[in-house]
Amino acid sequence: MPRNDDERGAAVPTGRAARLLRFGGMASGIAGGAAAEGLRALSRGRRPDLAHVLFTPTNTARLTDGLSDLRGAALKLGQMLSMDTGLVLPDELTAILARMRDDARHMPPKQLQAALDAEWGPGWYRRFARFDVRPFAAASIGQVHRAVTHDGHALAIKVQYPGVRASIDSDVDNVATLLRLSGMLPRGMDIAPLLAEAKRQLHAEADYAAEARHLARFGALLAGSDTFAVPGLHSALCTPQVLAMDYMESVPLDTLVDAPQAERDRVAAALIDLVMRELFVFGAMQTDPNLANYRIDPKTERIVLLDFGAVQPVSAELAADFSDLARAALSGDADETRQAMLRVGYFDSTTAPRHQRLIQSMFDTAMGPLRQAEPFDFGQSDLLARLRDMGLALGNDRDLAHVPPAATLFLHRKIGGMYLMAARLRARVALRPMLVAYCDTATRPR
């Protein structure tokens, strides 16, 4: 029988009507809370401020708790937007989404049993010498359990929350409606392409058969590496909603925060180099930069890579465009940089000249660490704060309507996550030699 360490958990609402009711309850609760806060402001002789009345502590808790209970696309979209995508959101929304990033609740054992009965058939637990019902990890789309086979092989079994795949499109639309309650997105900004790409990516992430293929591919690409380790796949136990892989003993990346400087530098440089390999060599990128996806094997000191659900293809054209952009930016040629930015999609020909100048200024600032040949000190830099201030100044312009292509935003999400990782480790990495080496080998497809 499965081992049951904990009966607690929050059941995932599976029916469309049940999920819609949750969204409706959140929306009405937020609206009611905002109205009450506005009346309180008026009674004190103050004009109600939209951000103040919407983002009260009560409303913040109502939104984060509600989306965390729903899990699935509702929680995943919030987590995706909470990373640095280049799409500047109000501080209040950013704080809410950041809280959601690490807030996922596991489903109770009875719901888990039903989910696995549906995938493996009744009596599935007889396949194992041990199966821990309490998950050791819970995320937006599924939760992960440790199991041991009868021959003593330790496995990590990822089980998808029931109803997640069927609810993706409606959940994304409903979350977008909730986010629009803020009224703070610039006038005319069209986020429909981003939402469409979010739906596409979420459908891909909810397909565990596809994730199994990505896991096997990255395992092959990194086979024999002294730096990285990828769990082995156990295809006999995999289904479109269950993923079985090796359980790998590892510790969180955060355990390195007090490690010697050389070790922190080594890990940060390896992960940054991996991003460049994904972009310029592999033709595929794992776009979820959550630090929980990167761990350390304490015995071999290799970096363990987890979660390949968010792998996105990188076209040869896009890789070539970014290579051209990097070359132009490193050379300091403003005209070439602008043309390359147009091709990548940071702005288009209809974007107001002042907005183009602001975006190019932000990009020029972001390239600073990549231009210097000596190691960049991530721990001592205020670069993210400066970029955030510039982004807010740009985002507060109500006439800004352009949103970069989704592929560019998700790449920025990964790059932003790597910057946060290196800053967390207080790493010092020489970035220019790494980037130049990849740009020199990148070629434009014919």
Protein backbone atom coordinates (compact mmCIF):
# COMPACT_ATOMS: atom_id res chain seq x y z
CA MET A 1 0.00 0.00 0.00
CA PRO A 2 1.14 3.61 -0.44
CA ARG A 3 2.87 5.13 2.51
CA ASN A 4 0.69 7.89 3.96
CA ASP A 5 2.59 10.45 6.04
CA ASP A 6 0.04 13.24 5.97
CA GLU A 7 -3.69 13.38 5.29
CA ARG A 8 -3.69 17.12 4.85
CA GLY A 9 -3.98 18.83 1.49
CA ALA A 10 -6.29 20.99 -0.55
CA ALA A 11 -8.36 19.32 -3.26
CA VAL A 12 -7.96 20.79 -6.73
CA PRO A 13 -11.27 22.07 -8.19
CA THR A 14 -11.63 19.94 -11.32
CA GLY A 15 -14.90 20.95 -12.99
CA ARG A 16 -15.18 24.02 -15.20
CA ALA A 17 -18.13 25.29 -13.19
CA ALA A 18 -16.30 24.81 -9.88
CA ARG A 19 -13.26 26.73 -11.14
CA LEU A 20 -15.41 29.51 -12.60
CA LEU A 21 -17.17 29.88 -9.27
CA ARG A 22 -13.79 30.27 -7.55
CA PHE A 23 -12.82 33.02 -9.99
CA GLY A 24 -16.20 34.68 -9.54
CA GLY A 25 -15.82 34.54 -5.78
CA MET A 26 -12.38 36.11 -5.98
CA ALA A 27 -13.57 38.87 -8.31
CA SER A 28 -16.61 39.74 -6.22
CA GLY A 29 -14.56 39.63 -3.02
CA ILE A 30 -11.91 41.93 -4.49
CA ALA A 31 -14.57 44.32 -5.83
CA GLY A 32 -16.38 44.35 -2.49
CA GLY A 33 -13.16 44.96 -0.59
CA ALA A 34 -12.20 47.76 -2.96
CA ALA A 35 -15.61 49.43 -2.60
CA ALA A 36 -15.38 49.29 1.18
CA GLU A 37 -11.86 50.72 1.16
CA GLY A 38 -12.98 53.49 -1.23
CA LEU A 39 -15.86 54.43 1.05
CA ARG A 40 -13.47 54.57 4.01
CA ALA A 41 -11.22 56.92 2.07
CA LEU A 42 -14.15 59.17 1.15
CA SER A 43 -15.33 59.28 4.75
CA ARG A 44 -11.90 60.63 5.69
CA GLY A 45 -12.13 63.32 3.02
CA ARG A 46 -9.61 61.69 0.69
CA ARG A 47 -10.01 60.82 -2.97
CA PRO A 48 -9.72 57.03 -3.34
CA ASP A 49 -6.55 55.84 -5.07
CA LEU A 50 -7.15 52.86 -7.37
CA ALA A 51 -4.01 50.98 -6.37
CA HIS A 52 -4.64 51.62 -2.69
CA VAL A 53 -8.24 50.38 -2.71
CA LEU A 54 -7.54 47.32 -4.84
CA PHE A 55 -4.35 46.07 -3.23
CA THR A 56 -5.28 46.02 0.42
CA PRO A 57 -3.71 43.24 2.53
CA THR A 58 -7.09 41.47 2.56
CA ASN A 59 -7.47 41.60 -1.22
CA THR A 60 -3.86 40.53 -1.73
CA ALA A 61 -4.41 37.49 0.46
CA ARG A 62 -7.73 36.77 -1.26
CA LEU A 63 -6.11 36.73 -4.71
CA THR A 64 -2.98 34.76 -3.82
CA ASP A 65 -4.89 32.20 -1.74
CA GLY A 66 -7.53 31.75 -4.42
CA LEU A 67 -5.09 31.23 -7.26
CA SER A 68 -2.95 28.92 -5.14
CA ASP A 69 -6.00 26.77 -4.38
CA LEU A 70 -6.89 26.57 -8.08
CA ARG A 71 -3.37 25.65 -9.12
CA GLY A 72 -2.96 24.72 -12.77
CA ALA A 73 -2.86 27.52 -15.32
CA ALA A 74 -4.21 30.02 -12.80
CA LEU A 75 -1.16 29.63 -10.58
CA LYS A 76 1.30 29.03 -13.42
CA LEU A 77 0.38 32.22 -15.27
CA GLY A 78 0.92 34.23 -12.12
CA GLN A 79 4.29 32.57 -11.64
CA MET A 80 5.25 33.22 -15.26
CA LEU A 81 4.36 36.91 -15.04
CA SER A 82 6.16 37.27 -11.70
CA MET A 83 9.53 36.59 -13.35
CA ASP A 84 11.43 39.27 -15.25
CA THR A 85 9.88 39.05 -18.73
CA GLY A 86 10.44 42.66 -19.71
CA LEU A 87 6.72 43.35 -19.28
CA VAL A 88 6.61 45.91 -16.47
CA LEU A 89 3.76 45.43 -14.02
CA PRO A 90 2.70 47.63 -11.10
CA ASP A 91 4.61 47.08 -7.86
CA GLU A 92 1.47 45.81 -6.12
CA LEU A 93 0.78 43.17 -8.77
CA THR A 94 4.45 42.18 -8.85
CA ALA A 95 4.38 41.56 -5.09
CA ILE A 96 1.24 39.43 -5.38
CA LEU A 97 2.66 37.37 -8.24
CA ALA A 98 5.98 36.90 -6.45
CA ARG A 99 4.13 35.45 -3.46
CA MET A 100 2.40 33.00 -5.80
CA ARG A 101 5.70 31.82 -7.24
CA ASP A 102 6.49 29.59 -4.28
CA ASP A 103 2.94 28.92 -3.07
CA ALA A 104 1.46 25.63 -4.24
CA ARG A 105 -0.59 23.18 -2.18
CA HIS A 106 -0.66 19.43 -2.64
CA MET A 107 -3.84 17.49 -3.26
CA PRO A 108 -5.12 15.13 -0.55
CA PRO A 109 -4.37 11.38 -0.73
CA LYS A 110 -7.86 10.39 -1.92
CA GLN A 111 -7.60 12.69 -4.93
CA LEU A 112 -4.08 11.42 -5.62
CA GLN A 113 -5.31 7.81 -5.46
CA ALA A 114 -8.09 8.57 -7.94
CA ALA A 115 -5.67 10.33 -10.30
CA LEU A 116 -3.24 7.41 -10.32
CA ASP A 117 -6.05 4.86 -10.60
CA ALA A 118 -7.07 6.65 -13.79
CA GLU A 119 -3.51 6.61 -15.18
CA TRP A 120 -2.13 3.26 -13.98
CA GLY A 121 -5.27 1.33 -13.09
CA PRO A 122 -6.41 0.10 -9.64
CA GLY A 123 -3.78 -1.75 -7.64
CA TRP A 124 -0.95 0.35 -9.09
CA TYR A 125 0.76 0.51 -5.69
CA ARG A 126 1.74 -3.15 -6.06
CA ARG A 127 4.34 -2.01 -8.58
CA PHE A 128 6.33 -0.45 -5.77
CA ALA A 129 8.01 -1.53 -2.57
CA ARG A 130 7.23 1.94 -1.25
CA PHE A 131 5.28 4.95 -2.47
CA ASP A 132 5.17 8.12 -0.36
CA VAL A 133 1.69 9.65 -0.59
CA ARG A 134 2.91 12.93 0.83
CA PRO A 135 4.74 14.75 -2.00
CA PHE A 136 8.20 16.17 -1.45
CA ALA A 137 7.46 18.93 -3.96
CA ALA A 138 4.26 20.64 -5.14
CA ALA A 139 4.10 23.09 -8.01
CA SER A 140 1.52 24.78 -10.22
CA ILE A 141 0.68 21.88 -12.53
CA GLY A 142 1.63 18.79 -10.53
CA GLN A 143 3.27 17.36 -7.43
CA VAL A 144 6.19 14.97 -7.02
CA HIS A 145 6.34 11.80 -4.92
CA ARG A 146 9.20 9.55 -3.98
CA ALA A 147 8.84 5.85 -4.72
CA VAL A 148 11.05 2.75 -4.56
CA THR A 149 10.69 -0.20 -6.93
CA HIS A 150 10.90 -3.80 -5.78
CA ASP A 151 14.48 -3.98 -7.08
CA GLY A 152 15.43 -0.99 -4.91
CA HIS A 153 15.48 1.74 -7.56
CA ALA A 154 14.54 5.19 -6.18
CA LEU A 155 12.15 7.15 -8.37
CA ALA A 156 10.59 10.59 -8.48
CA ILE A 157 6.99 10.39 -9.73
CA LYS A 158 5.39 13.62 -10.95
CA VAL A 159 1.59 13.48 -10.95
CA GLN A 160 -0.48 16.13 -12.70
CA TYR A 161 -3.37 17.76 -10.86
CA PRO A 162 -6.68 16.48 -12.27
CA GLY A 163 -8.54 18.85 -14.55
CA VAL A 164 -5.52 21.06 -15.24
CA ARG A 165 -5.27 20.43 -18.97
CA ALA A 166 -8.98 20.99 -19.61
CA SER A 167 -9.00 24.29 -17.69
CA ILE A 168 -5.97 26.01 -19.25
CA ASP A 169 -7.67 28.32 -21.75
CA SER A 170 -10.47 29.44 -19.43
CA ASP A 171 -8.06 29.86 -16.50
CA VAL A 172 -5.73 32.10 -18.50
CA ASP A 173 -8.64 34.25 -19.68
CA ASN A 174 -10.00 34.51 -16.14
CA VAL A 175 -6.61 35.41 -14.65
CA ALA A 176 -6.16 38.06 -17.34
CA THR A 177 -9.55 39.52 -16.37
CA LEU A 178 -8.51 39.63 -12.72
CA LEU A 179 -5.23 41.34 -13.59
CA ARG A 180 -7.06 43.95 -15.65
CA LEU A 181 -8.92 44.96 -12.47
CA SER A 182 -5.81 46.94 -11.62
CA GLY A 183 -6.49 49.40 -14.46
CA MET A 184 -2.74 50.08 -14.50
CA LEU A 185 -1.69 48.54 -17.79
CA PRO A 186 -0.88 51.26 -20.31
CA ARG A 187 -3.78 52.37 -22.45
CA GLY A 188 -4.01 50.34 -25.65
CA MET A 189 -1.44 47.72 -24.62
CA ASP A 190 -2.36 44.49 -26.37
CA ILE A 191 -1.38 41.53 -24.21
CA ALA A 192 -3.42 39.08 -26.31
CA PRO A 193 -0.32 37.66 -28.07
CA LEU A 194 1.32 37.02 -24.69
CA LEU A 195 -1.81 35.32 -23.36
CA ALA A 196 -2.03 33.18 -26.51
CA GLU A 197 1.59 32.13 -26.07
CA ALA A 198 0.98 31.46 -22.36
CA LYS A 199 -1.88 29.11 -23.31
CA ARG A 200 0.30 27.36 -25.88
CA GLN A 201 3.15 26.93 -23.40
CA LEU A 202 0.84 25.75 -20.63
CA HIS A 203 -0.73 23.13 -22.90
CA ALA A 204 2.81 21.96 -23.71
CA GLU A 205 3.81 21.89 -20.03
CA ALA A 206 0.72 19.88 -19.14
CA ASP A 207 1.71 17.21 -21.65
CA TYR A 208 3.98 14.98 -19.58
CA ALA A 209 4.65 12.77 -22.60
CA ALA A 210 6.25 15.80 -24.27
CA GLU A 211 8.19 16.60 -21.10
CA ALA A 212 9.49 13.03 -21.09
CA ARG A 213 10.86 13.61 -24.60
CA HIS A 214 12.50 16.89 -23.50
CA LEU A 215 14.01 15.17 -20.47
CA ALA A 216 15.46 12.44 -22.68
CA ARG A 217 16.77 15.01 -25.18
CA PHE A 218 18.56 17.14 -22.58
CA GLY A 219 19.86 13.98 -20.97
CA ALA A 220 21.44 13.04 -24.31
CA LEU A 221 22.77 16.57 -24.95
CA LEU A 222 24.46 16.64 -21.54
CA ALA A 223 25.48 12.99 -21.34
CA GLY A 224 28.92 12.55 -19.83
CA SER A 225 29.00 16.09 -18.45
CA ASP A 226 31.15 16.69 -15.39
CA THR A 227 29.09 19.82 -14.67
CA PHE A 228 25.44 18.82 -15.13
CA ALA A 229 23.27 15.84 -14.23
CA VAL A 230 19.84 15.07 -15.69
CA PRO A 231 17.52 12.41 -14.17
CA GLY A 232 17.09 9.24 -16.18
CA LEU A 233 13.63 8.57 -17.62
CA HIS A 234 11.50 5.53 -16.72
CA SER A 235 9.23 5.41 -19.74
CA ALA A 236 7.28 2.30 -18.67
CA LEU A 237 5.64 4.31 -15.90
CA CYS A 238 5.09 7.50 -17.92
CA THR A 239 1.71 8.64 -19.25
CA PRO A 240 0.51 12.02 -20.56
CA GLN A 241 -0.21 12.96 -16.91
CA VAL A 242 2.47 11.02 -15.00
CA LEU A 243 6.22 11.42 -15.38
CA ALA A 244 8.61 8.89 -13.79
CA MET A 245 12.34 9.57 -13.48
CA ASP A 246 15.32 8.81 -11.28
CA TYR A 247 15.24 10.28 -7.81
CA MET A 248 18.52 12.17 -7.46
CA GLU A 249 19.95 13.08 -4.08
CA SER A 250 20.58 16.80 -4.17
CA VAL A 251 20.43 19.98 -2.12
CA PRO A 252 18.96 23.40 -3.01
CA LEU A 253 21.13 25.88 -4.87
CA ASP A 254 20.65 28.21 -1.91
CA THR A 255 22.95 26.01 0.17
CA LEU A 256 25.84 27.57 -1.77
CA VAL A 257 25.21 31.13 -0.60
CA ASP A 258 28.00 30.81 1.99
CA ALA A 259 30.25 28.54 -0.10
CA PRO A 260 33.72 29.73 -1.17
CA GLN A 261 33.67 32.44 -3.83
CA ALA A 262 35.22 30.14 -6.43
CA GLU A 263 32.44 27.57 -6.02
CA ARG A 264 29.70 30.18 -6.31
CA ASP A 265 31.38 31.62 -9.39
CA ARG A 266 31.70 28.15 -10.95
CA VAL A 267 28.01 27.32 -10.57
CA ALA A 268 26.77 30.71 -11.78
CA ALA A 269 29.11 30.66 -14.79
CA ALA A 270 27.99 27.13 -15.69
CA LEU A 271 24.29 28.03 -15.61
CA ILE A 272 24.82 31.23 -17.61
CA ASP A 273 26.88 29.27 -20.15
CA LEU A 274 24.06 26.72 -20.38
CA VAL A 275 21.62 29.49 -21.34
CA MET A 276 23.94 30.52 -24.17
CA ARG A 277 24.27 26.90 -25.31
CA GLU A 278 20.49 26.54 -25.29
CA LEU A 279 20.11 29.71 -27.38
CA PHE A 280 22.98 29.30 -29.84
CA VAL A 281 23.69 25.55 -29.96
CA PHE A 282 20.88 23.32 -28.67
CA GLY A 283 18.00 25.06 -30.48
CA ALA A 284 15.85 24.54 -27.38
CA MET A 285 15.62 26.34 -24.06
CA GLN A 286 14.15 25.42 -20.70
CA THR A 287 12.41 28.75 -20.06
CA ASP A 288 11.38 28.35 -16.41
CA PRO A 289 14.15 29.96 -14.31
CA ASN A 290 12.67 29.00 -10.93
CA LEU A 291 15.69 28.33 -8.70
CA ALA A 292 14.01 25.15 -7.44
CA ASN A 293 14.75 23.65 -10.86
CA TYR A 294 18.50 23.77 -10.15
CA ARG A 295 20.06 21.73 -7.36
CA ILE A 296 23.48 20.45 -6.35
CA ASP A 297 24.61 16.84 -6.00
CA PRO A 298 26.69 17.06 -2.80
CA LYS A 299 28.81 14.04 -3.75
CA THR A 300 29.77 14.92 -7.32
CA GLU A 301 29.17 18.72 -7.07
CA ARG A 302 27.31 18.51 -10.38
CA ILE A 303 24.33 20.79 -11.01
CA VAL A 304 21.13 18.73 -11.15
CA LEU A 305 18.66 20.01 -13.75
CA LEU A 306 14.97 19.41 -13.06
CA ASP A 307 11.64 20.18 -14.75
CA PHE A 308 11.71 20.20 -18.53
CA GLY A 309 8.06 21.05 -19.03
CA ALA A 310 8.79 24.60 -20.17
CA VAL A 311 11.21 23.73 -22.98
CA GLN A 312 10.72 26.01 -25.97
CA PRO A 313 12.21 25.60 -29.44
CA VAL A 314 14.66 28.31 -30.50
CA SER A 315 14.58 28.83 -34.24
CA ALA A 316 17.83 29.31 -36.13
CA GLU A 317 16.51 32.70 -37.27
CA LEU A 318 15.87 33.88 -33.72
CA ALA A 319 19.29 32.66 -32.56
CA ALA A 320 20.90 34.51 -35.48
CA ASP A 321 18.94 37.68 -34.66
CA PHE A 322 20.13 37.61 -31.05
CA SER A 323 23.68 36.90 -32.22
CA ASP A 324 23.54 39.97 -34.50
CA LEU A 325 22.09 42.02 -31.66
CA ALA A 326 24.83 40.93 -29.25
CA ARG A 327 27.58 41.72 -31.78
CA ALA A 328 26.15 45.17 -32.47
CA ALA A 329 25.69 45.95 -28.78
CA LEU A 330 29.21 44.77 -27.90
CA SER A 331 30.65 46.95 -30.65
CA GLY A 332 28.69 49.96 -29.43
CA ASP A 333 27.17 50.73 -32.84
CA ALA A 334 23.85 52.42 -31.98
CA ASP A 335 22.37 52.21 -35.51
CA GLU A 336 23.18 48.52 -35.92
CA THR A 337 21.83 47.84 -32.42
CA ARG A 338 18.57 49.60 -33.25
CA GLN A 339 18.13 47.60 -36.47
CA ALA A 340 18.83 44.35 -34.62
CA MET A 341 16.35 45.32 -31.90
CA LEU A 342 13.72 45.91 -34.59
CA ARG A 343 14.31 42.39 -35.97
CA VAL A 344 14.08 40.82 -32.52
CA GLY A 345 10.88 42.77 -31.82
CA TYR A 346 11.73 45.03 -28.88
CA PHE A 347 9.78 47.67 -30.79
CA ASP A 348 8.42 48.08 -34.32
CA SER A 349 8.13 50.82 -36.92
CA THR A 350 4.91 52.12 -35.34
CA THR A 351 6.47 52.56 -31.88
CA ALA A 352 6.84 56.23 -30.98
CA PRO A 353 10.44 57.48 -31.37
CA ARG A 354 10.61 58.47 -27.69
CA HIS A 355 9.62 54.96 -26.69
CA GLN A 356 12.20 53.48 -29.05
CA ARG A 357 14.87 55.67 -27.44
CA LEU A 358 13.81 54.64 -23.92
CA ILE A 359 13.79 50.94 -24.81
CA GLN A 360 17.18 51.21 -26.49
CA SER A 361 18.52 53.02 -23.41
CA MET A 362 17.25 50.20 -21.19
CA PHE A 363 18.89 47.63 -23.45
CA ASP A 364 22.16 49.56 -23.45
CA THR A 365 22.09 49.64 -19.64
CA ALA A 366 21.37 45.90 -19.46
CA MET A 367 24.33 45.18 -21.77
CA GLY A 368 26.78 46.89 -19.40
CA PRO A 369 27.87 43.67 -17.61
CA LEU A 370 28.35 41.92 -20.96
CA ARG A 371 30.64 44.62 -22.34
CA GLN A 372 33.27 44.43 -19.61
CA ALA A 373 36.00 41.83 -20.00
CA GLU A 374 36.64 41.53 -16.26
CA PRO A 375 34.30 39.56 -13.97
CA PHE A 376 30.99 41.26 -13.23
CA ASP A 377 30.12 41.34 -9.53
CA PHE A 378 26.43 40.36 -9.41
CA GLY A 379 26.27 40.69 -5.64
CA GLN A 380 27.35 44.33 -5.58
CA SER A 381 25.42 45.57 -8.61
CA ASP A 382 22.31 47.74 -8.54
CA LEU A 383 21.60 47.00 -12.20
CA LEU A 384 18.23 45.34 -11.61
CA ALA A 385 17.02 48.28 -9.52
CA ARG A 386 18.06 50.73 -12.24
CA LEU A 387 16.39 48.70 -14.96
CA ARG A 388 13.27 48.43 -12.83
CA ASP A 389 13.14 52.23 -12.43
CA MET A 390 13.60 52.72 -16.16
CA GLY A 391 10.94 50.13 -16.88
CA LEU A 392 8.44 51.75 -14.54
CA ALA A 393 9.03 55.12 -16.19
CA LEU A 394 8.34 53.50 -19.54
CA GLY A 395 5.38 51.46 -18.30
CA ASN A 396 3.74 54.48 -16.72
CA ASP A 397 3.50 56.12 -20.15
CA ARG A 398 -0.14 55.43 -20.96
CA ASP A 399 0.53 55.65 -24.71
CA LEU A 400 2.90 52.67 -24.81
CA ALA A 401 1.11 49.89 -26.68
CA HIS A 402 3.82 47.60 -28.04
CA VAL A 403 4.50 44.23 -26.42
CA PRO A 404 7.57 42.27 -27.63
CA PRO A 405 7.00 38.84 -29.19
CA ALA A 406 6.29 36.06 -26.72
CA ALA A 407 9.48 34.19 -27.66
CA THR A 408 11.52 37.26 -26.71
CA LEU A 409 9.63 37.70 -23.44
CA PHE A 410 10.17 34.09 -22.38
CA LEU A 411 13.87 34.37 -23.24
CA HIS A 412 14.03 37.47 -21.07
CA ARG A 413 12.31 35.54 -18.32
CA LYS A 414 15.11 32.98 -18.38
CA ILE A 415 17.85 35.63 -18.54
CA GLY A 416 16.25 37.56 -15.69
CA GLY A 417 16.06 34.41 -13.61
CA MET A 418 19.75 33.68 -14.21
CA TYR A 419 20.64 37.21 -13.13
CA LEU A 420 18.67 36.72 -9.91
CA MET A 421 20.41 33.37 -9.39
CA ALA A 422 23.87 34.91 -9.81
CA ALA A 423 22.96 37.81 -7.53
CA ARG A 424 21.71 35.37 -4.90
CA LEU A 425 25.07 33.56 -5.06
CA ARG A 426 26.96 36.88 -5.07
CA ALA A 427 28.88 35.48 -8.03
CA ARG A 428 31.58 37.16 -10.08
CA VAL A 429 31.55 36.09 -13.72
CA ALA A 430 33.33 37.39 -16.82
CA LEU A 431 30.43 37.48 -19.28
CA ARG A 432 31.93 39.10 -22.38
CA PRO A 433 34.35 36.25 -23.28
CA MET A 434 31.50 33.74 -22.95
CA LEU A 435 29.14 35.71 -25.18
CA VAL A 436 31.80 36.50 -27.80
CA ALA A 437 32.70 32.81 -28.09
CA TYR A 438 29.10 31.86 -28.90
CA CYS A 439 28.48 34.80 -31.22
CA ASP A 440 31.61 33.92 -33.21
CA THR A 441 30.24 30.43 -33.87
CA ALA A 442 26.63 31.45 -34.60
CA THR A 443 25.68 31.67 -38.27
CA ARG A 444 22.58 32.96 -40.00
CA PRO A 445 20.60 30.21 -41.75
CA ARG A 446 20.56 30.36 -45.54
